[in-house]
């Protein structure tokens, strides 16, 4: 009987498939670009090369982030995965978007001649098939995760802390769009005889990469700073804590993502005044068990018995919203 594939191993597989596809496509695009002299094809080669290097960073992110906790890092190394994913986004910004936009502008200004169109079209067609295979795997993983979260595909992509699969999904989507832009630019250049369209396609590919890099960079930066769980999950955690029989209120509830699939929960909990200490201890154990059953990704739960008072920090209250 085969062992079910874990989300972590599934992410590694998605990254490896995308990396292998991008490397093969980058070489083919480069050869076609050099033969034809097309700015759009060379931009697409830079795009695929940037994606290949990005997949290397994402693979490192998955491996480094999966290291177990130790004395120096008691909460584990989960956040390191976001560091490498952030570096990947920066590389995409500089290498992919920068080269594509620069080369497109130079093509428009200098009017470089585009030669062999057929070779470019063939490479674009093969690349589209290869990228579609990679995108299909990423899409399958995202849809499966969205079903487990009981949310939409868009909701999962907005809130997931697994930025590696998120990066692969957006990179492959951008790659497919970029291929269509490159084909359109080549076609218009061939029909009109104006190399301007080839340059415009190259610039649009660069802008597309720029948008993806900014989105992924912002997502990883937010997680590195210390992002809370989504409101829907926060409300469920608050309700579970407040629903314990001896709890009268939860004045303060704090959550933080420690890495892909890792969450910390800390709360000030007001227990009934006449409850003995042993009952409070039992209630805390019950609260931790209940939270972990509802959300397996919760790794740490810290509950501080306290009297209900106004919170001077202005942090959201689990009992008062």
Protein backbone atom coordinates (compact mmCIF):
# COMPACT_ATOMS: atom_id res chain seq x y z
CA UNK A 1 0.00 0.00 0.00
CA UNK A 2 1.49 3.36 -1.00
CA UNK A 3 2.08 6.08 1.58
CA UNK A 4 -0.09 9.19 1.11
CA UNK A 5 1.82 12.15 -0.23
CA UNK A 6 2.31 14.86 2.40
CA UNK A 7 1.85 18.56 1.57
CA UNK A 8 5.61 19.07 2.05
CA UNK A 9 6.62 16.29 -0.36
CA UNK A 10 3.95 17.44 -2.79
CA UNK A 11 5.46 20.95 -2.75
CA UNK A 12 8.94 19.52 -3.40
CA UNK A 13 7.58 17.54 -6.35
CA UNK A 14 5.82 20.60 -7.75
CA UNK A 15 9.01 22.67 -7.51
CA UNK A 16 11.17 19.95 -9.11
CA UNK A 17 8.77 19.49 -12.04
CA UNK A 18 8.65 23.24 -12.61
CA UNK A 19 12.44 23.58 -12.38
CA UNK A 20 13.13 20.78 -14.88
CA UNK A 21 10.57 22.18 -17.33
CA UNK A 22 11.92 25.71 -17.05
CA UNK A 23 15.54 24.66 -17.61
CA UNK A 24 14.73 22.74 -20.80
CA UNK A 25 12.52 25.55 -22.07
CA UNK A 26 15.14 28.22 -21.30
CA UNK A 27 17.72 26.46 -23.47
CA UNK A 28 15.27 26.01 -26.37
CA UNK A 29 14.13 29.65 -26.18
CA UNK A 30 17.71 30.90 -26.08
CA UNK A 31 18.64 28.95 -29.20
CA UNK A 32 15.52 30.16 -31.02
CA UNK A 33 16.13 33.71 -29.86
CA UNK A 34 19.72 33.72 -31.12
CA UNK A 35 18.67 32.23 -34.46
CA UNK A 36 15.77 34.62 -35.00
CA UNK A 37 17.13 37.70 -33.24
CA UNK A 38 13.72 38.15 -31.60
CA UNK A 39 13.69 40.36 -28.50
CA UNK A 40 10.55 38.64 -27.26
CA UNK A 41 12.17 35.21 -27.59
CA UNK A 42 15.31 36.33 -25.76
CA UNK A 43 13.10 37.88 -23.08
CA UNK A 44 11.26 34.58 -22.79
CA UNK A 45 14.62 32.81 -22.47
CA UNK A 46 15.54 35.19 -19.65
CA UNK A 47 12.09 34.59 -18.16
CA UNK A 48 12.57 30.81 -18.13
CA UNK A 49 16.15 31.09 -16.84
CA UNK A 50 14.96 33.35 -14.03
CA UNK A 51 12.22 30.86 -13.23
CA UNK A 52 14.76 28.01 -13.17
CA UNK A 53 16.99 29.82 -10.68
CA UNK A 54 13.89 30.74 -8.71
CA UNK A 55 12.96 27.05 -8.45
CA UNK A 56 16.43 26.36 -7.01
CA UNK A 57 15.83 29.00 -4.33
CA UNK A 58 12.38 27.55 -3.63
CA UNK A 59 13.82 24.04 -3.31
CA UNK A 60 16.36 25.37 -0.80
CA UNK A 61 13.48 27.14 0.98
CA UNK A 62 11.58 23.87 1.38
CA UNK A 63 14.60 21.95 2.64
CA UNK A 64 15.86 24.65 5.03
CA UNK A 65 12.40 25.41 6.37
CA UNK A 66 11.79 21.74 7.20
CA UNK A 67 14.72 21.50 9.63
CA UNK A 68 13.57 20.48 13.14
CA UNK A 69 13.70 22.83 16.12
CA UNK A 70 16.85 22.97 18.21
CA UNK A 71 18.17 24.81 21.26
CA UNK A 72 19.04 27.96 19.28
CA UNK A 73 15.80 27.91 17.28
CA UNK A 74 13.13 26.50 19.62
CA UNK A 75 10.28 27.33 17.21
CA UNK A 76 12.02 25.65 14.29
CA UNK A 77 13.34 26.98 10.98
CA UNK A 78 10.02 27.49 9.21
CA UNK A 79 10.56 31.20 8.64
CA UNK A 80 13.81 30.51 6.78
CA UNK A 81 11.73 29.15 3.91
CA UNK A 82 10.28 32.65 3.49
CA UNK A 83 13.76 34.18 3.45
CA UNK A 84 14.76 32.07 0.45
CA UNK A 85 11.40 32.59 -1.22
CA UNK A 86 11.89 36.36 -0.78
CA UNK A 87 15.35 36.10 -2.38
CA UNK A 88 13.74 34.20 -5.27
CA UNK A 89 11.25 37.05 -5.77
CA UNK A 90 14.07 39.61 -5.81
CA UNK A 91 15.98 37.56 -8.38
CA UNK A 92 12.90 37.39 -10.58
CA UNK A 93 12.51 41.17 -10.24
CA UNK A 94 16.11 41.94 -11.22
CA UNK A 95 17.06 39.19 -13.67
CA UNK A 96 13.76 38.40 -15.35
CA UNK A 97 11.84 41.68 -15.41
CA UNK A 98 14.89 43.93 -15.72
CA UNK A 99 16.37 42.12 -18.72
CA UNK A 100 13.05 41.80 -20.53
CA UNK A 101 12.14 45.46 -20.20
CA UNK A 102 15.65 46.67 -21.12
CA UNK A 103 15.87 44.39 -24.16
CA UNK A 104 12.41 45.41 -25.31
CA UNK A 105 13.25 49.11 -25.13
CA UNK A 106 16.51 48.57 -27.04
CA UNK A 107 14.64 46.63 -29.74
CA UNK A 108 12.16 49.48 -30.22
CA UNK A 109 14.95 52.07 -30.36
CA UNK A 110 17.32 50.12 -32.62
CA UNK A 111 14.79 48.09 -34.65
CA UNK A 112 16.68 44.80 -34.49
CA UNK A 113 15.80 42.44 -37.31
CA UNK A 114 13.82 39.29 -36.50
CA UNK A 115 14.93 36.40 -38.68
CA UNK A 116 13.63 32.83 -38.53
CA UNK A 117 10.03 33.04 -37.34
CA UNK A 118 9.31 29.34 -37.76
CA UNK A 119 11.92 28.27 -35.18
CA UNK A 120 10.47 30.73 -32.67
CA UNK A 121 6.92 29.54 -33.20
CA UNK A 122 7.93 25.89 -32.79
CA UNK A 123 9.79 26.58 -29.56
CA UNK A 124 6.90 28.64 -28.22
CA UNK A 125 4.47 25.79 -28.97
CA UNK A 126 6.66 23.17 -27.27
CA UNK A 127 7.26 25.51 -24.33
CA UNK A 128 3.54 26.08 -23.93
CA UNK A 129 2.94 22.34 -23.66
CA UNK A 130 5.75 21.90 -21.11
CA UNK A 131 4.64 24.88 -19.04
CA UNK A 132 1.07 23.58 -19.13
CA UNK A 133 2.21 20.29 -17.56
CA UNK A 134 4.02 22.14 -14.77
CA UNK A 135 1.07 24.49 -14.24
CA UNK A 136 -1.35 21.55 -14.12
CA UNK A 137 0.62 19.98 -11.24
CA UNK A 138 0.73 23.28 -9.34
CA UNK A 139 -2.98 23.83 -9.96
CA UNK A 140 -3.79 20.33 -8.72
CA UNK A 141 -1.91 20.95 -5.48
CA UNK A 142 -3.53 24.36 -4.94
CA UNK A 143 -7.03 23.00 -5.58
CA UNK A 144 -6.43 20.08 -3.21
CA UNK A 145 -5.19 22.41 -0.49
CA UNK A 146 -8.14 24.76 -1.04
CA UNK A 147 -10.53 21.83 -0.53
CA UNK A 148 -8.77 20.86 2.70
CA UNK A 149 -9.07 24.48 3.87
CA UNK A 150 -12.73 24.54 2.78
CA UNK A 151 -12.09 27.72 0.79
CA UNK A 152 -11.82 28.92 -2.78
CA UNK A 153 -8.70 28.71 -4.90
CA UNK A 154 -8.28 32.48 -4.69
CA UNK A 155 -8.81 32.44 -0.93
CA UNK A 156 -6.13 29.79 -0.49
CA UNK A 157 -3.61 31.71 -2.61
CA UNK A 158 -4.26 34.89 -0.61
CA UNK A 159 -3.86 33.30 2.81
CA UNK A 160 -1.54 30.31 2.44
CA UNK A 161 1.81 30.39 4.21
CA UNK A 162 3.25 27.86 1.72
CA UNK A 163 4.75 30.52 -0.54
CA UNK A 164 6.75 27.95 -2.54
CA UNK A 165 3.73 26.40 -4.24
CA UNK A 166 2.22 29.88 -4.49
CA UNK A 167 5.35 31.05 -6.31
CA UNK A 168 5.31 28.08 -8.71
CA UNK A 169 1.62 28.64 -9.45
CA UNK A 170 2.07 32.33 -10.30
CA UNK A 171 5.33 31.74 -12.17
CA UNK A 172 3.76 29.10 -14.40
CA UNK A 173 0.70 31.26 -14.98
CA UNK A 174 2.96 34.17 -15.90
CA UNK A 175 5.02 31.86 -18.14
CA UNK A 176 1.96 30.76 -20.10
CA UNK A 177 0.82 34.36 -20.46
CA UNK A 178 4.33 35.40 -21.49
CA UNK A 179 4.40 32.77 -24.22
CA UNK A 180 1.15 34.12 -25.65
CA UNK A 181 2.56 37.66 -25.54
CA UNK A 182 5.75 36.55 -27.29
CA UNK A 183 3.75 34.77 -30.00
CA UNK A 184 1.57 37.83 -30.48
CA UNK A 185 4.60 40.10 -30.72
CA UNK A 186 6.29 37.85 -33.28
CA UNK A 187 3.11 37.54 -35.31
CA UNK A 188 2.53 41.30 -35.42
CA UNK A 189 6.18 41.93 -36.30
CA UNK A 190 5.97 39.39 -39.15
CA UNK A 191 2.69 40.75 -40.50
CA UNK A 192 3.49 44.48 -40.21
CA UNK A 193 7.22 44.29 -40.83
CA UNK A 194 7.73 46.50 -37.75
CA UNK A 195 10.07 45.21 -35.04
CA UNK A 196 8.36 47.58 -32.60
CA UNK A 197 5.79 44.88 -31.79
CA UNK A 198 8.52 42.42 -30.84
CA UNK A 199 9.95 45.01 -28.47
CA UNK A 200 6.52 45.83 -27.03
CA UNK A 201 5.95 42.12 -26.32
CA UNK A 202 9.29 41.96 -24.54
CA UNK A 203 8.38 44.94 -22.37
CA UNK A 204 4.99 43.46 -21.52
CA UNK A 205 6.67 40.19 -20.51
CA UNK A 206 8.98 42.18 -18.25
CA UNK A 207 6.07 44.04 -16.66
CA UNK A 208 4.29 40.74 -16.11
CA UNK A 209 7.33 39.37 -14.28
CA UNK A 210 7.55 42.61 -12.32
CA UNK A 211 3.98 42.22 -11.04
CA UNK A 212 4.54 38.58 -10.02
CA UNK A 213 7.82 39.44 -8.27
CA UNK A 214 6.20 42.28 -6.31
CA UNK A 215 3.24 40.12 -5.26
CA UNK A 216 5.48 37.25 -4.09
CA UNK A 217 7.98 39.61 -2.44
CA UNK A 218 5.25 41.37 -0.48
CA UNK A 219 3.71 38.05 0.59
CA UNK A 220 7.00 36.69 1.93
CA UNK A 221 7.96 39.97 3.61
CA UNK A 222 4.63 40.07 5.44
CA UNK A 223 5.12 36.52 6.71
CA UNK A 224 8.68 37.24 7.82
CA UNK A 225 7.58 40.26 9.86
CA UNK A 226 5.14 38.04 11.78
CA UNK A 227 1.75 37.58 10.14
CA UNK A 228 -1.38 36.53 12.02
CA UNK A 229 -3.71 33.80 10.79
CA UNK A 230 -6.63 34.74 8.50
CA UNK A 231 -9.69 36.29 10.17
CA UNK A 232 -11.80 33.19 9.59
CA UNK A 233 -9.29 30.97 11.42
CA UNK A 234 -8.79 33.60 14.13
CA UNK A 235 -12.54 33.69 14.82
CA UNK A 236 -12.70 29.90 15.06
CA UNK A 237 -9.77 29.79 17.51
CA UNK A 238 -11.41 32.54 19.59
CA UNK A 239 -14.73 30.68 19.60
CA UNK A 240 -13.09 27.40 20.68
CA UNK A 241 -11.32 29.10 23.58
CA UNK A 242 -14.36 31.09 24.68
CA UNK A 243 -16.50 27.94 24.41
CA UNK A 244 -14.71 26.17 27.27
CA UNK A 245 -17.12 25.87 30.19
CA UNK A 246 -14.98 27.56 32.87
CA UNK A 247 -13.80 30.41 30.59
CA UNK A 248 -15.65 33.70 31.02
CA UNK A 249 -13.79 35.67 28.35
CA UNK A 250 -10.62 35.85 26.29
CA UNK A 251 -9.41 39.48 26.60
CA UNK A 252 -6.42 39.03 24.27
CA UNK A 253 -5.69 36.54 21.51
CA UNK A 254 -2.47 36.61 19.49
CA UNK A 255 -1.55 34.34 16.59
CA UNK A 256 1.57 34.14 14.43
CA UNK A 257 2.71 31.95 11.58
CA UNK A 258 5.99 30.24 12.34
CA UNK A 259 6.46 28.75 8.88
CA UNK A 260 4.52 26.85 6.23
CA UNK A 261 2.05 24.78 8.22
CA UNK A 262 3.15 26.09 11.63
CA UNK A 263 1.12 28.40 13.89
CA UNK A 264 1.62 29.82 17.39
CA UNK A 265 -1.37 30.78 19.57
CA UNK A 266 -1.03 32.90 22.72
CA UNK A 267 -3.96 34.20 24.74
CA UNK A 268 -4.91 35.84 28.01
CA UNK A 269 -7.85 33.84 29.36
CA UNK A 270 -10.21 34.92 32.14
CA UNK A 271 -11.46 31.91 34.09
CA UNK A 272 -14.37 31.88 36.51
CA UNK A 273 -13.25 33.19 39.94
CA UNK A 274 -14.45 30.17 41.92
CA UNK A 275 -12.62 27.61 39.77
CA UNK A 276 -9.72 25.78 41.52
CA UNK A 277 -6.26 25.65 39.94
CA UNK A 278 -6.52 21.98 39.01
CA UNK A 279 -9.65 22.68 36.96
CA UNK A 280 -7.89 25.56 35.19
CA UNK A 281 -5.00 23.25 34.31
CA UNK A 282 -7.43 20.67 32.92
CA UNK A 283 -9.24 23.38 30.95
CA UNK A 284 -5.96 24.58 29.42
CA UNK A 285 -5.11 21.04 28.32
CA UNK A 286 -8.59 20.66 26.86
CA UNK A 287 -8.26 23.97 25.00
CA UNK A 288 -4.94 22.92 23.45
CA UNK A 289 -6.33 19.53 22.44
CA UNK A 290 -9.42 21.11 20.90
CA UNK A 291 -7.44 23.68 18.93
CA UNK A 292 -5.02 21.10 17.54
CA UNK A 293 -7.87 18.83 16.50
CA UNK A 294 -9.50 21.69 14.62
CA UNK A 295 -6.26 23.06 13.13
CA UNK A 296 -3.43 20.44 13.01
CA UNK A 297 -0.98 23.13 11.88
CA UNK A 298 -1.11 24.76 15.36
CA UNK A 299 2.23 23.83 16.94
CA UNK A 300 2.27 25.87 20.16
CA UNK A 301 -0.52 27.06 22.47
CA UNK A 302 0.29 29.39 25.38
CA UNK A 303 -2.60 30.36 27.68
CA UNK A 304 -2.16 32.94 30.43
CA UNK A 305 -4.89 32.90 33.13
CA UNK A 306 -5.71 36.53 33.85
CA UNK A 307 -8.47 38.84 34.96
CA UNK A 308 -10.46 40.47 32.14
CA UNK A 309 -9.31 44.08 31.79
CA UNK A 310 -9.07 46.55 28.94
CA UNK A 311 -6.13 45.69 26.70
CA UNK A 312 -3.80 48.73 26.45
CA UNK A 313 -2.17 47.36 23.28
CA UNK A 314 -5.39 47.49 21.29
CA UNK A 315 -5.02 43.87 20.20
CA UNK A 316 -8.21 42.19 18.98
CA UNK A 317 -10.26 40.61 21.75
CA UNK A 318 -11.60 37.13 21.23
CA UNK A 319 -14.74 37.95 23.17
CA UNK A 320 -15.36 41.42 21.87
CA UNK A 321 -13.96 41.29 18.31
